[in-house]
PDB file of N, CA and C in Angstrom:
ATOM      1  N   MET A   1      15.841  62.177  36.300  1.00  0.00           N
ATOM      2  CA  MET A   1      16.490  62.087  37.541  1.00  0.00           C
ATOM      3  C   MET A   1      16.410  63.452  38.231  1.00  0.00           C
ATOM      4  N   LYS A   2      15.892  63.452  39.434  1.00  0.00           N
ATOM      5  CA  LYS A   2      15.798  64.728  40.182  1.00  0.00           C
ATOM      6  C   LYS A   2      17.112  64.956  40.926  1.00  0.00           C
ATOM      7  N   PRO A   3      17.625  66.210  40.866  1.00  0.00           N
ATOM      8  CA  PRO A   3      18.834  66.485  41.604  1.00  0.00           C
ATOM      9  C   PRO A   3      18.509  66.582  43.157  1.00  0.00           C
ATOM     10  N   LYS A   4      19.499  66.285  43.907  1.00  0.00           N
ATOM     11  CA  LYS A   4      19.358  66.284  45.381  1.00  0.00           C
ATOM     12  C   LYS A   4      20.095  67.553  45.844  1.00  0.00           C
ATOM     13  N   ILE A   5      19.327  68.503  46.376  1.00  0.00           N
ATOM     14  CA  ILE A   5      19.900  69.746  46.924  1.00  0.00           C
ATOM     15  C   ILE A   5      20.038  69.599  48.392  1.00  0.00           C
ATOM     16  N   THR A   6      21.255  69.841  48.925  1.00  0.00           N
ATOM     17  CA  THR A   6      21.570  69.475  50.266  1.00  0.00           C
ATOM     18  C   THR A   6      21.500  70.547  51.314  1.00  0.00           C
ATOM     19  N   SER A   7      21.131  71.783  50.957  1.00  0.00           N
ATOM     20  CA  SER A   7      20.999  72.820  52.021  1.00  0.00           C
ATOM     21  C   SER A   7      19.959  73.798  51.623  1.00  0.00           C
ATOM     22  N   SER A   8      19.494  74.549  52.575  1.00  0.00           N
ATOM     23  CA  SER A   8      18.454  75.534  52.311  1.00  0.00           C
ATOM     24  C   SER A   8      19.000  76.697  51.459  1.00  0.00           C
ATOM     25  N   ILE A   9      20.252  76.999  51.684  1.00  0.00           N
ATOM     26  CA  ILE A   9      20.864  78.115  50.831  1.00  0.00           C
ATOM     27  C   ILE A   9      20.989  77.680  49.417  1.00  0.00           C
ATOM     28  N   ALA A  10      21.413  76.392  49.155  1.00  0.00           N
ATOM     29  CA  ALA A  10      21.522  75.878  47.841  1.00  0.00           C
ATOM     30  C   ALA A  10      20.098  75.843  47.181  1.00  0.00           C
ATOM     31  N   TRP A  11      19.105  75.493  47.976  1.00  0.00           N
ATOM     32  CA  TRP A  11      17.711  75.416  47.498  1.00  0.00           C
ATOM     33  C   TRP A  11      17.241  76.818  46.998  1.00  0.00           C
ATOM     34  N   GLN A  12      17.592  77.875  47.772  1.00  0.00           N
ATOM     35  CA  GLN A  12      17.213  79.231  47.383  1.00  0.00           C
ATOM     36  C   GLN A  12      18.022  79.633  46.127  1.00  0.00           C
ATOM     37  N   GLN A  13      19.233  79.255  46.033  1.00  0.00           N
ATOM     38  CA  GLN A  13      19.993  79.548  44.858  1.00  0.00           C
ATOM     39  C   GLN A  13      19.440  78.884  43.608  1.00  0.00           C
ATOM     40  N   ALA A  14      19.029  77.605  43.798  1.00  0.00           N
ATOM     41  CA  ALA A  14      18.468  76.854  42.684  1.00  0.00           C
ATOM     42  C   ALA A  14      17.125  77.516  42.199  1.00  0.00           C
ATOM     43  N   GLU A  15      16.342  77.920  43.214  1.00  0.00           N
ATOM     44  CA  GLU A  15      15.050  78.630  42.832  1.00  0.00           C
ATOM     45  C   GLU A  15      15.323  79.914  42.088  1.00  0.00           C
ATOM     46  N   LEU A  16      16.461  80.601  42.449  1.00  0.00           N
ATOM     47  CA  LEU A  16      16.787  81.886  41.786  1.00  0.00           C
ATOM     48  C   LEU A  16      17.198  81.577  40.334  1.00  0.00           C
ATOM     49  N   LEU A  17      17.922  80.462  40.120  1.00  0.00           N
ATOM     50  CA  LEU A  17      18.549  80.182  38.806  1.00  0.00           C
ATOM     51  C   LEU A  17      17.660  79.434  37.817  1.00  0.00           C
ATOM     52  N   MET A  18      16.778  78.614  38.289  1.00  0.00           N
ATOM     53  CA  MET A  18      16.045  77.691  37.381  1.00  0.00           C
ATOM     54  C   MET A  18      15.209  78.390  36.337  1.00  0.00           C
ATOM     55  N   GLN A  19      14.425  79.376  36.678  1.00  0.00           N
ATOM     56  CA  GLN A  19      13.572  80.053  35.688  1.00  0.00           C
ATOM     57  C   GLN A  19      14.453  80.784  34.667  1.00  0.00           C
ATOM     58  N   PRO A  20      15.405  81.629  35.117  1.00  0.00           N
ATOM     59  CA  PRO A  20      16.344  82.216  34.126  1.00  0.00           C
ATOM     60  C   PRO A  20      17.073  81.216  33.228  1.00  0.00           C
ATOM     61  N   ALA A  21      17.444  80.064  33.827  1.00  0.00           N
ATOM     62  CA  ALA A  21      18.160  79.038  33.045  1.00  0.00           C
ATOM     63  C   ALA A  21      17.214  78.501  31.960  1.00  0.00           C
ATOM     64  N   LEU A  22      15.938  78.241  32.331  1.00  0.00           N
ATOM     65  CA  LEU A  22      14.973  77.768  31.395  1.00  0.00           C
ATOM     66  C   LEU A  22      14.786  78.760  30.267  1.00  0.00           C
ATOM     67  N   ILE A  23      14.653  79.995  30.579  1.00  0.00           N
ATOM     68  CA  ILE A  23      14.514  81.046  29.547  1.00  0.00           C
ATOM     69  C   ILE A  23      15.690  81.052  28.583  1.00  0.00           C
ATOM     70  N   ARG A  24      16.936  80.994  29.120  1.00  0.00           N
ATOM     71  CA  ARG A  24      18.118  81.071  28.302  1.00  0.00           C
ATOM     72  C   ARG A  24      18.253  79.802  27.433  1.00  0.00           C
ATOM     73  N   VAL A  25      17.951  78.642  28.059  1.00  0.00           N
ATOM     74  CA  VAL A  25      18.026  77.332  27.343  1.00  0.00           C
ATOM     75  C   VAL A  25      17.057  77.399  26.144  1.00  0.00           C
ATOM     76  N   LEU A  26      15.817  77.797  26.345  1.00  0.00           N
ATOM     77  CA  LEU A  26      14.840  77.830  25.262  1.00  0.00           C
ATOM     78  C   LEU A  26      15.218  78.803  24.212  1.00  0.00           C
ATOM     79  N   ASP A  27      15.695  79.937  24.585  1.00  0.00           N
ATOM     80  CA  ASP A  27      16.091  80.982  23.611  1.00  0.00           C
ATOM     81  C   ASP A  27      17.282  80.476  22.788  1.00  0.00           C
ATOM     82  N   ASN A  28      18.217  79.833  23.415  1.00  0.00           N
ATOM     83  CA  ASN A  28      19.365  79.340  22.697  1.00  0.00           C
ATOM     84  C   ASN A  28      19.017  78.141  21.752  1.00  0.00           C
ATOM     85  N   ILE A  29      18.027  77.361  22.193  1.00  0.00           N
ATOM     86  CA  ILE A  29      17.545  76.260  21.321  1.00  0.00           C
ATOM     87  C   ILE A  29      16.913  76.897  20.102  1.00  0.00           C
ATOM     88  N   ARG A  30      16.096  77.933  20.285  1.00  0.00           N
ATOM     89  CA  ARG A  30      15.470  78.658  19.221  1.00  0.00           C
ATOM     90  C   ARG A  30      16.479  79.171  18.189  1.00  0.00           C
ATOM     91  N   LYS A  31      17.541  79.752  18.715  1.00  0.00           N
ATOM     92  CA  LYS A  31      18.627  80.262  17.880  1.00  0.00           C
ATOM     93  C   LYS A  31      19.318  79.181  17.065  1.00  0.00           C
ATOM     94  N   GLN A  32      19.587  78.026  17.704  1.00  0.00           N
ATOM     95  CA  GLN A  32      20.260  76.957  17.017  1.00  0.00           C
ATOM     96  C   GLN A  32      19.321  76.351  15.948  1.00  0.00           C
ATOM     97  N   LEU A  33      18.059  76.210  16.269  1.00  0.00           N
ATOM     98  CA  LEU A  33      17.108  75.659  15.318  1.00  0.00           C
ATOM     99  C   LEU A  33      16.976  76.538  14.051  1.00  0.00           C
ATOM    100  N   GLU A  34      17.146  77.870  14.216  1.00  0.00           N
ATOM    101  CA  GLU A  34      17.073  78.731  13.084  1.00  0.00           C
ATOM    102  C   GLU A  34      18.167  78.476  12.050  1.00  0.00           C
ATOM    103  N   GLU A  35      19.323  77.991  12.555  1.00  0.00           N
ATOM    104  CA  GLU A  35      20.481  77.727  11.701  1.00  0.00           C
ATOM    105  C   GLU A  35      20.670  76.248  11.357  1.00  0.00           C
ATOM    106  N   SER A  36      19.869  75.400  11.975  1.00  0.00           N
ATOM    107  CA  SER A  36      20.099  73.942  11.905  1.00  0.00           C
ATOM    108  C   SER A  36      19.260  73.292  10.849  1.00  0.00           C
ATOM    109  N   VAL A  37      19.733  72.119  10.352  1.00  0.00           N
ATOM    110  CA  VAL A  37      18.926  71.350   9.402  1.00  0.00           C
ATOM    111  C   VAL A  37      17.919  70.538  10.152  1.00  0.00           C
ATOM    112  N   TRP A  38      18.037  70.411  11.493  1.00  0.00           N
ATOM    113  CA  TRP A  38      17.125  69.632  12.312  1.00  0.00           C
ATOM    114  C   TRP A  38      15.878  70.552  12.612  1.00  0.00           C
ATOM    115  N   THR A  39      14.732  69.891  12.702  1.00  0.00           N
ATOM    116  CA  THR A  39      13.498  70.587  13.081  1.00  0.00           C
ATOM    117  C   THR A  39      13.223  70.153  14.517  1.00  0.00           C
ATOM    118  N   GLY A  40      12.633  71.071  15.285  1.00  0.00           N
ATOM    119  CA  GLY A  40      12.376  70.763  16.673  1.00  0.00           C
ATOM    120  C   GLY A  40      10.950  71.113  17.131  1.00  0.00           C
ATOM    121  N   THR A  41      10.417  70.245  17.952  1.00  0.00           N
ATOM    122  CA  THR A  41       9.089  70.447  18.550  1.00  0.00           C
ATOM    123  C   THR A  41       9.263  70.125  19.995  1.00  0.00           C
ATOM    124  N   TYR A  42       8.306  70.720  20.780  1.00  0.00           N
ATOM    125  CA  TYR A  42       8.317  70.397  22.242  1.00  0.00           C
ATOM    126  C   TYR A  42       7.169  69.508  22.554  1.00  0.00           C
ATOM    127  N   GLN A  43       7.447  68.561  23.468  1.00  0.00           N
ATOM    128  CA  GLN A  43       6.338  67.641  23.877  1.00  0.00           C
ATOM    129  C   GLN A  43       6.343  67.653  25.443  1.00  0.00           C
ATOM    130  N   GLU A  44       5.117  67.741  25.955  1.00  0.00           N
ATOM    131  CA  GLU A  44       4.915  67.711  27.406  1.00  0.00           C
ATOM    132  C   GLU A  44       5.033  66.276  27.858  1.00  0.00           C
ATOM    133  N   VAL A  45       5.788  66.040  28.987  1.00  0.00           N
ATOM    134  CA  VAL A  45       5.837  64.754  29.574  1.00  0.00           C
ATOM    135  C   VAL A  45       5.429  64.791  31.003  1.00  0.00           C
ATOM    136  N   HIS A  46       4.979  63.675  31.534  1.00  0.00           N
ATOM    137  CA  HIS A  46       4.419  63.680  32.904  1.00  0.00           C
ATOM    138  C   HIS A  46       5.219  62.764  33.837  1.00  0.00           C
ATOM    139  N   THR A  47       6.078  61.887  33.284  1.00  0.00           N
ATOM    140  CA  THR A  47       6.809  60.953  34.147  1.00  0.00           C
ATOM    141  C   THR A  47       8.324  61.056  33.842  1.00  0.00           C
ATOM    142  N   PRO A  48       9.251  60.924  34.712  1.00  0.00           N
ATOM    143  CA  PRO A  48       8.982  60.647  36.100  1.00  0.00           C
ATOM    144  C   PRO A  48       8.488  61.878  36.863  1.00  0.00           C
ATOM    145  N   PHE A  49       8.571  63.074  36.273  1.00  0.00           N
ATOM    146  CA  PHE A  49       7.930  64.291  36.839  1.00  0.00           C
ATOM    147  C   PHE A  49       7.634  65.195  35.703  1.00  0.00           C
ATOM    148  N   PRO A  50       6.653  66.090  35.846  1.00  0.00           N
ATOM    149  CA  PRO A  50       6.213  66.951  34.729  1.00  0.00           C
ATOM    150  C   PRO A  50       7.389  67.774  34.111  1.00  0.00           C
ATOM    151  N   GLY A  51       7.329  67.873  32.870  1.00  0.00           N
ATOM    152  CA  GLY A  51       8.353  68.692  32.153  1.00  0.00           C
ATOM    153  C   GLY A  51       8.124  68.688  30.639  1.00  0.00           C
ATOM    154  N   TYR A  52       9.179  68.963  29.895  1.00  0.00           N
ATOM    155  CA  TYR A  52       9.095  69.031  28.464  1.00  0.00           C
ATOM    156  C   TYR A  52      10.322  68.389  27.855  1.00  0.00           C
ATOM    157  N   GLN A  53      10.116  67.808  26.654  1.00  0.00           N
ATOM    158  CA  GLN A  53      11.193  67.254  25.891  1.00  0.00           C
ATOM    159  C   GLN A  53      11.281  68.053  24.604  1.00  0.00           C
ATOM    160  N   LEU A  54      12.427  68.193  24.119  1.00  0.00           N
ATOM    161  CA  LEU A  54      12.661  68.772  22.770  1.00  0.00           C
ATOM    162  C   LEU A  54      12.837  67.525  21.839  1.00  0.00           C
ATOM    163  N   ILE A  55      11.963  67.450  20.877  1.00  0.00           N
ATOM    164  CA  ILE A  55      12.042  66.348  19.888  1.00  0.00           C
ATOM    165  C   ILE A  55      12.671  66.937  18.603  1.00  0.00           C
ATOM    166  N   LEU A  56      13.853  66.481  18.329  1.00  0.00           N
ATOM    167  CA  LEU A  56      14.579  66.977  17.104  1.00  0.00           C
ATOM    168  C   LEU A  56      14.456  65.897  16.047  1.00  0.00           C
ATOM    169  N   GLU A  57      14.170  66.278  14.809  1.00  0.00           N
ATOM    170  CA  GLU A  57      13.995  65.350  13.743  1.00  0.00           C
ATOM    171  C   GLU A  57      14.762  65.805  12.481  1.00  0.00           C
ATOM    172  N   LEU A  58      15.338  64.774  11.838  1.00  0.00           N
ATOM    173  CA  LEU A  58      16.048  65.057  10.524  1.00  0.00           C
ATOM    174  C   LEU A  58      16.001  63.769   9.701  1.00  0.00           C
ATOM    175  N   GLN A  59      15.328  63.803   8.565  1.00  0.00           N
ATOM    176  CA  GLN A  59      15.211  62.690   7.623  1.00  0.00           C
ATOM    177  C   GLN A  59      14.799  61.430   8.341  1.00  0.00           C
ATOM    178  N   GLY A  60      13.733  61.461   9.098  1.00  0.00           N
ATOM    179  CA  GLY A  60      13.200  60.334   9.794  1.00  0.00           C
ATOM    180  C   GLY A  60      13.927  59.944  11.055  1.00  0.00           C
ATOM    181  N   GLU A  61      15.059  60.554  11.337  1.00  0.00           N
ATOM    182  CA  GLU A  61      15.820  60.251  12.590  1.00  0.00           C
ATOM    183  C   GLU A  61      15.274  61.210  13.664  1.00  0.00           C
ATOM    184  N   GLN A  62      15.152  60.681  14.885  1.00  0.00           N
ATOM    185  CA  GLN A  62      14.582  61.488  15.934  1.00  0.00           C
ATOM    186  C   GLN A  62      15.475  61.403  17.154  1.00  0.00           C
ATOM    187  N   ARG A  63      15.660  62.560  17.844  1.00  0.00           N
ATOM    188  CA  ARG A  63      16.375  62.600  19.127  1.00  0.00           C
ATOM    189  C   ARG A  63      15.501  63.372  20.141  1.00  0.00           C
ATOM    190  N   CYS A  64      15.461  62.798  21.364  1.00  0.00           N
ATOM    191  CA  CYS A  64      14.674  63.438  22.418  1.00  0.00           C
ATOM    192  C   CYS A  64      15.605  64.008  23.527  1.00  0.00           C
ATOM    193  N   ILE A  65      15.429  65.228  23.855  1.00  0.00           N
ATOM    194  CA  ILE A  65      16.245  65.866  24.857  1.00  0.00           C
ATOM    195  C   ILE A  65      15.393  66.450  25.946  1.00  0.00           C
ATOM    196  N   ASP A  66      15.695  66.086  27.195  1.00  0.00           N
ATOM    197  CA  ASP A  66      14.926  66.524  28.327  1.00  0.00           C
ATOM    198  C   ASP A  66      15.302  67.972  28.617  1.00  0.00           C
ATOM    199  N   ILE A  67      14.379  68.883  28.608  1.00  0.00           N
ATOM    200  CA  ILE A  67      14.629  70.295  28.876  1.00  0.00           C
ATOM    201  C   ILE A  67      15.116  70.558  30.338  1.00  0.00           C
ATOM    202  N   TRP A  68      14.521  69.864  31.302  1.00  0.00           N
ATOM    203  CA  TRP A  68      14.955  70.022  32.674  1.00  0.00           C
ATOM    204  C   TRP A  68      16.403  69.605  32.843  1.00  0.00           C
ATOM    205  N   GLU A  69      16.795  68.491  32.176  1.00  0.00           N
ATOM    206  CA  GLU A  69      18.199  68.046  32.269  1.00  0.00           C
ATOM    207  C   GLU A  69      19.121  69.133  31.760  1.00  0.00           C
ATOM    208  N   LEU A  70      18.740  69.839  30.676  1.00  0.00           N
ATOM    209  CA  LEU A  70      19.574  70.924  30.191  1.00  0.00           C
ATOM    210  C   LEU A  70      19.661  72.104  31.235  1.00  0.00           C
ATOM    211  N   CYS A  71      18.562  72.435  31.831  1.00  0.00           N
ATOM    212  CA  CYS A  71      18.594  73.449  32.849  1.00  0.00           C
ATOM    213  C   CYS A  71      19.416  73.080  34.036  1.00  0.00           C
ATOM    214  N   TYR A  72      19.394  71.793  34.391  1.00  0.00           N
ATOM    215  CA  TYR A  72      20.248  71.319  35.525  1.00  0.00           C
ATOM    216  C   TYR A  72      21.737  71.445  35.149  1.00  0.00           C
ATOM    217  N   ARG A  73      22.066  71.143  33.907  1.00  0.00           N
ATOM    218  CA  ARG A  73      23.402  71.259  33.474  1.00  0.00           C
ATOM    219  C   ARG A  73      23.902  72.723  33.451  1.00  0.00           C
ATOM    220  N   VAL A  74      23.022  73.616  33.276  1.00  0.00           N
ATOM    221  CA  VAL A  74      23.372  75.054  33.417  1.00  0.00           C
ATOM    222  C   VAL A  74      23.499  75.460  34.845  1.00  0.00           C
ATOM    223  N   CYS A  75      22.557  75.098  35.685  1.00  0.00           N
ATOM    224  CA  CYS A  75      22.494  75.559  37.038  1.00  0.00           C
ATOM    225  C   CYS A  75      23.519  74.934  38.000  1.00  0.00           C
ATOM    226  N   PHE A  76      23.880  73.690  37.716  1.00  0.00           N
ATOM    227  CA  PHE A  76      24.730  72.963  38.674  1.00  0.00           C
ATOM    228  C   PHE A  76      26.132  72.751  38.085  1.00  0.00           C
ATOM    229  N   VAL A  77      27.098  72.577  38.963  1.00  0.00           N
ATOM    230  CA  VAL A  77      28.467  72.298  38.555  1.00  0.00           C
ATOM    231  C   VAL A  77      28.628  70.826  38.219  1.00  0.00           C
ATOM    232  N   ASN A  78      29.152  70.539  37.040  1.00  0.00           N
ATOM    233  CA  ASN A  78      29.500  69.188  36.574  1.00  0.00           C
ATOM    234  C   ASN A  78      28.269  68.217  36.744  1.00  0.00           C
ATOM    235  N   TYR A  79      27.100  68.702  36.448  1.00  0.00           N
ATOM    236  CA  TYR A  79      25.944  67.818  36.534  1.00  0.00           C
ATOM    237  C   TYR A  79      26.010  66.756  35.418  1.00  0.00           C
ATOM    238  N   GLN A  80      25.838  65.560  35.805  1.00  0.00           N
ATOM    239  CA  GLN A  80      25.802  64.419  34.822  1.00  0.00           C
ATOM    240  C   GLN A  80      24.492  63.673  34.900  1.00  0.00           C
ATOM    241  N   PRO A  81      23.674  63.806  33.876  1.00  0.00           N
ATOM    242  CA  PRO A  81      22.330  63.153  33.936  1.00  0.00           C
ATOM    243  C   PRO A  81      22.514  61.639  34.043  1.00  0.00           C
ATOM    244  N   THR A  82      21.640  60.992  34.796  1.00  0.00           N
ATOM    245  CA  THR A  82      21.570  59.563  34.823  1.00  0.00           C
ATOM    246  C   THR A  82      20.135  59.225  34.298  1.00  0.00           C
ATOM    247  N   HIS A  83      19.996  58.004  33.950  1.00  0.00           N
ATOM    248  CA  HIS A  83      18.697  57.642  33.331  1.00  0.00           C
ATOM    249  C   HIS A  83      17.888  56.747  34.329  1.00  0.00           C
ATOM    250  N   SER A  84      18.205  56.837  35.524  1.00  0.00           N
ATOM    251  CA  SER A  84      17.482  56.075  36.575  1.00  0.00           C
ATOM    252  C   SER A  84      16.520  57.039  37.259  1.00  0.00           C
ATOM    253  N   ASP A  85      15.222  56.592  37.188  1.00  0.00           N
ATOM    254  CA  ASP A  85      14.129  57.426  37.840  1.00  0.00           C
ATOM    255  C   ASP A  85      14.235  57.335  39.343  1.00  0.00           C
ATOM    256  N   GLN A  86      14.946  56.305  39.860  1.00  0.00           N
ATOM    257  CA  GLN A  86      14.986  56.091  41.324  1.00  0.00           C
ATOM    258  C   GLN A  86      16.114  56.828  41.982  1.00  0.00           C
ATOM    259  N   GLU A  87      17.162  57.153  41.236  1.00  0.00           N
ATOM    260  CA  GLU A  87      18.405  57.653  41.778  1.00  0.00           C
ATOM    261  C   GLU A  87      18.357  59.191  41.791  1.00  0.00           C
ATOM    262  N   SER A  88      18.829  59.758  42.974  1.00  0.00           N
ATOM    263  CA  SER A  88      19.025  61.201  43.016  1.00  0.00           C
ATOM    264  C   SER A  88      20.520  61.443  43.073  1.00  0.00           C
ATOM    265  N   GLN A  89      20.939  62.550  42.485  1.00  0.00           N
ATOM    266  CA  GLN A  89      22.347  62.944  42.458  1.00  0.00           C
ATOM    267  C   GLN A  89      22.434  64.188  43.261  1.00  0.00           C
ATOM    268  N   GLU A  90      23.401  64.191  44.206  1.00  0.00           N
ATOM    269  CA  GLU A  90      23.697  65.437  44.918  1.00  0.00           C
ATOM    270  C   GLU A  90      24.314  66.420  43.965  1.00  0.00           C
ATOM    271  N   VAL A  91      23.873  67.669  44.060  1.00  0.00           N
ATOM    272  CA  VAL A  91      24.366  68.686  43.087  1.00  0.00           C
ATOM    273  C   VAL A  91      24.915  69.819  43.827  1.00  0.00           C
ATOM    274  N   GLU A  92      25.773  70.588  43.137  1.00  0.00           N
ATOM    275  CA  GLU A  92      26.371  71.786  43.639  1.00  0.00           C
ATOM    276  C   GLU A  92      25.949  72.942  42.749  1.00  0.00           C
ATOM    277  N   ILE A  93      25.390  74.011  43.352  1.00  0.00           N
ATOM    278  CA  ILE A  93      24.995  75.148  42.520  1.00  0.00           C
ATOM    279  C   ILE A  93      26.192  75.799  41.897  1.00  0.00           C
ATOM    280  N   ASP A  94      26.066  76.221  40.657  1.00  0.00           N
ATOM    281  CA  ASP A  94      27.146  76.982  40.004  1.00  0.00           C
ATOM    282  C   ASP A  94      27.004  78.444  40.467  1.00  0.00           C
ATOM    283  N   THR A  95      27.675  78.770  41.570  1.00  0.00           N
ATOM    284  CA  THR A  95      27.541  80.095  42.178  1.00  0.00           C
ATOM    285  C   THR A  95      28.150  81.173  41.341  1.00  0.00           C
ATOM    286  N   LEU A  96      28.936  80.810  40.303  1.00  0.00           N
ATOM    287  CA  LEU A  96      29.470  81.845  39.391  1.00  0.00           C
ATOM    288  C   LEU A  96      28.318  82.540  38.584  1.00  0.00           C
ATOM    289  N   LEU A  97      27.140  81.880  38.590  1.00  0.00           N
ATOM    290  CA  LEU A  97      26.023  82.479  37.876  1.00  0.00           C
ATOM    291  C   LEU A  97      25.226  83.445  38.759  1.00  0.00           C
ATOM    292  N   ILE A  98      25.692  83.666  39.957  1.00  0.00           N
ATOM    293  CA  ILE A  98      25.028  84.539  40.900  1.00  0.00           C
ATOM    294  C   ILE A  98      26.035  85.669  41.235  1.00  0.00           C
ATOM    295  N   GLU A  99      25.599  86.906  40.990  1.00  0.00           N
ATOM    296  CA  GLU A  99      26.474  88.070  41.276  1.00  0.00           C
ATOM    297  C   GLU A  99      26.755  88.120  42.780  1.00  0.00           C
ATOM    298  N   GLU A 100      28.047  88.187  43.141  1.00  0.00           N
ATOM    299  CA  GLU A 100      28.452  88.114  44.516  1.00  0.00           C
ATOM    300  C   GLU A 100      27.951  89.310  45.309  1.00  0.00           C
ATOM    301  N   ASP A 101      28.008  90.505  44.746  1.00  0.00           N
ATOM    302  CA  ASP A 101      27.668  91.740  45.428  1.00  0.00           C
ATOM    303  C   ASP A 101      26.143  91.863  45.668  1.00  0.00           C
ATOM    304  N   THR A 102      25.331  91.518  44.645  1.00  0.00           N
ATOM    305  CA  THR A 102      23.877  91.739  44.748  1.00  0.00           C
ATOM    306  C   THR A 102      23.094  90.471  45.054  1.00  0.00           C
ATOM    307  N   GLY A 103      23.635  89.302  44.740  1.00  0.00           N
ATOM    308  CA  GLY A 103      22.882  88.111  44.890  1.00  0.00           C
ATOM    309  C   GLY A 103      21.896  87.896  43.802  1.00  0.00           C
ATOM    310  N   ASP A 104      21.958  88.672  42.698  1.00  0.00           N
ATOM    311  CA  ASP A 104      21.101  88.533  41.556  1.00  0.00           C
ATOM    312  C   ASP A 104      21.718  87.537  40.577  1.00  0.00           C
ATOM    313  N   VAL A 105      20.955  87.122  39.544  1.00  0.00           N
ATOM    314  CA  VAL A 105      21.447  86.337  38.513  1.00  0.00           C
ATOM    315  C   VAL A 105      22.456  87.097  37.658  1.00  0.00           C
ATOM    316  N   ASP A 106      23.544  86.503  37.378  1.00  0.00           N
ATOM    317  CA  ASP A 106      24.518  87.074  36.427  1.00  0.00           C
ATOM    318  C   ASP A 106      24.054  86.619  35.006  1.00  0.00           C
ATOM    319  N   TRP A 107      23.251  87.424  34.381  1.00  0.00           N
ATOM    320  CA  TRP A 107      22.625  87.053  33.132  1.00  0.00           C
ATOM    321  C   TRP A 107      23.699  86.795  32.037  1.00  0.00           C
ATOM    322  N   ILE A 108      24.764  87.534  32.033  1.00  0.00           N
ATOM    323  CA  ILE A 108      25.808  87.358  31.026  1.00  0.00           C
ATOM    324  C   ILE A 108      26.455  85.967  31.115  1.00  0.00           C
ATOM    325  N   ARG A 109      26.833  85.572  32.326  1.00  0.00           N
ATOM    326  CA  ARG A 109      27.422  84.223  32.546  1.00  0.00           C
ATOM    327  C   ARG A 109      26.402  83.158  32.331  1.00  0.00           C
ATOM    328  N   LEU A 110      25.190  83.355  32.765  1.00  0.00           N
ATOM    329  CA  LEU A 110      24.139  82.354  32.569  1.00  0.00           C
ATOM    330  C   LEU A 110      23.903  82.121  31.088  1.00  0.00           C
ATOM    331  N   ASP A 111      23.769  83.219  30.311  1.00  0.00           N
ATOM    332  CA  ASP A 111      23.546  83.069  28.903  1.00  0.00           C
ATOM    333  C   ASP A 111      24.722  82.469  28.175  1.00  0.00           C
ATOM    334  N   ALA A 112      25.960  82.783  28.611  1.00  0.00           N
ATOM    335  CA  ALA A 112      27.117  82.172  28.016  1.00  0.00           C
ATOM    336  C   ALA A 112      27.174  80.694  28.266  1.00  0.00           C
ATOM    337  N   LYS A 113      26.845  80.234  29.456  1.00  0.00           N
ATOM    338  CA  LYS A 113      26.889  78.810  29.771  1.00  0.00           C
ATOM    339  C   LYS A 113      25.773  78.069  29.024  1.00  0.00           C
ATOM    340  N   ALA A 114      24.564  78.677  28.987  1.00  0.00           N
ATOM    341  CA  ALA A 114      23.481  78.032  28.293  1.00  0.00           C
ATOM    342  C   ALA A 114      23.767  77.936  26.785  1.00  0.00           C
ATOM    343  N   SER A 115      24.303  79.047  26.230  1.00  0.00           N
ATOM    344  CA  SER A 115      24.639  79.041  24.808  1.00  0.00           C
ATOM    345  C   SER A 115      25.669  77.975  24.433  1.00  0.00           C
ATOM    346  N   GLN A 116      26.680  77.894  25.250  1.00  0.00           N
ATOM    347  CA  GLN A 116      27.713  76.848  25.056  1.00  0.00           C
ATOM    348  C   GLN A 116      27.166  75.439  25.077  1.00  0.00           C
ATOM    349  N   LEU A 117      26.320  75.223  26.121  1.00  0.00           N
ATOM    350  CA  LEU A 117      25.664  73.904  26.296  1.00  0.00           C
ATOM    351  C   LEU A 117      24.807  73.547  25.060  1.00  0.00           C
ATOM    352  N   ILE A 118      23.968  74.434  24.643  1.00  0.00           N
ATOM    353  CA  ILE A 118      23.071  74.139  23.541  1.00  0.00           C
ATOM    354  C   ILE A 118      23.868  73.969  22.180  1.00  0.00           C
ATOM    355  N   GLN A 119      24.901  74.729  22.038  1.00  0.00           N
ATOM    356  CA  GLN A 119      25.819  74.508  20.874  1.00  0.00           C
ATOM    357  C   GLN A 119      26.365  73.137  20.891  1.00  0.00           C
ATOM    358  N   GLU A 120      26.781  72.654  22.043  1.00  0.00           N
ATOM    359  CA  GLU A 120      27.348  71.275  22.191  1.00  0.00           C
ATOM    360  C   GLU A 120      26.336  70.272  21.867  1.00  0.00           C
ATOM    361  N   VAL A 121      25.069  70.467  22.295  1.00  0.00           N
ATOM    362  CA  VAL A 121      24.007  69.508  22.030  1.00  0.00           C
ATOM    363  C   VAL A 121      23.785  69.412  20.523  1.00  0.00           C
ATOM    364  N   PHE A 122      23.777  70.529  19.819  1.00  0.00           N
ATOM    365  CA  PHE A 122      23.537  70.452  18.381  1.00  0.00           C
ATOM    366  C   PHE A 122      24.791  69.871  17.634  1.00  0.00           C
ATOM    367  N   VAL A 123      25.997  70.143  18.079  1.00  0.00           N
ATOM    368  CA  VAL A 123      27.163  69.611  17.473  1.00  0.00           C
ATOM    369  C   VAL A 123      27.170  68.095  17.677  1.00  0.00           C
ATOM    370  N   ASN A 124      26.746  67.628  18.808  1.00  0.00           N
ATOM    371  CA  ASN A 124      26.730  66.165  19.072  1.00  0.00           C
ATOM    372  C   ASN A 124      25.565  65.415  18.454  1.00  0.00           C
ATOM    373  N   LEU A 125      24.688  66.063  17.787  1.00  0.00           N
ATOM    374  CA  LEU A 125      23.553  65.395  17.151  1.00  0.00           C
ATOM    375  C   LEU A 125      24.090  64.458  16.019  1.00  0.00           C
ATOM    376  N   ALA A 126      25.155  64.765  15.417  1.00  0.00           N
ATOM    377  CA  ALA A 126      25.780  63.947  14.360  1.00  0.00           C
ATOM    378  C   ALA A 126      26.302  62.642  14.863  1.00  0.00           C
ATOM    379  N   ASN A 127      26.572  62.638  16.154  1.00  0.00           N
ATOM    380  CA  ASN A 127      27.209  61.409  16.763  1.00  0.00           C
ATOM    381  C   ASN A 127      26.219  60.365  17.200  1.00  0.00           C
TER     382      ASN A 127
END
């Protein structure tokens, strides 16, 4: 599901945050995999739009996690993924991830949010 960004300012903020969010999400996945009993591989996907999935495996059990969905959960406030390819969800940028004085990415907050999210993903694998 693609997020629906409602203003040009929000679009610029999303562009600012998405690449750093991807970097922090992937790094935190790597850290979790180093300590986890799950093994992970990445798979390129082309629909509904190009991206990557994290395929986690443990004793024949497999879980697929959309990497873009994780990035959206970092960049947007209260983002809830839907599984409809047709539906767009209006999103609100998490402006706490942008330094007010400089307009730059607040890497400490971004990393903390990404780290917490990825920890939750791995904790919920047992469910």
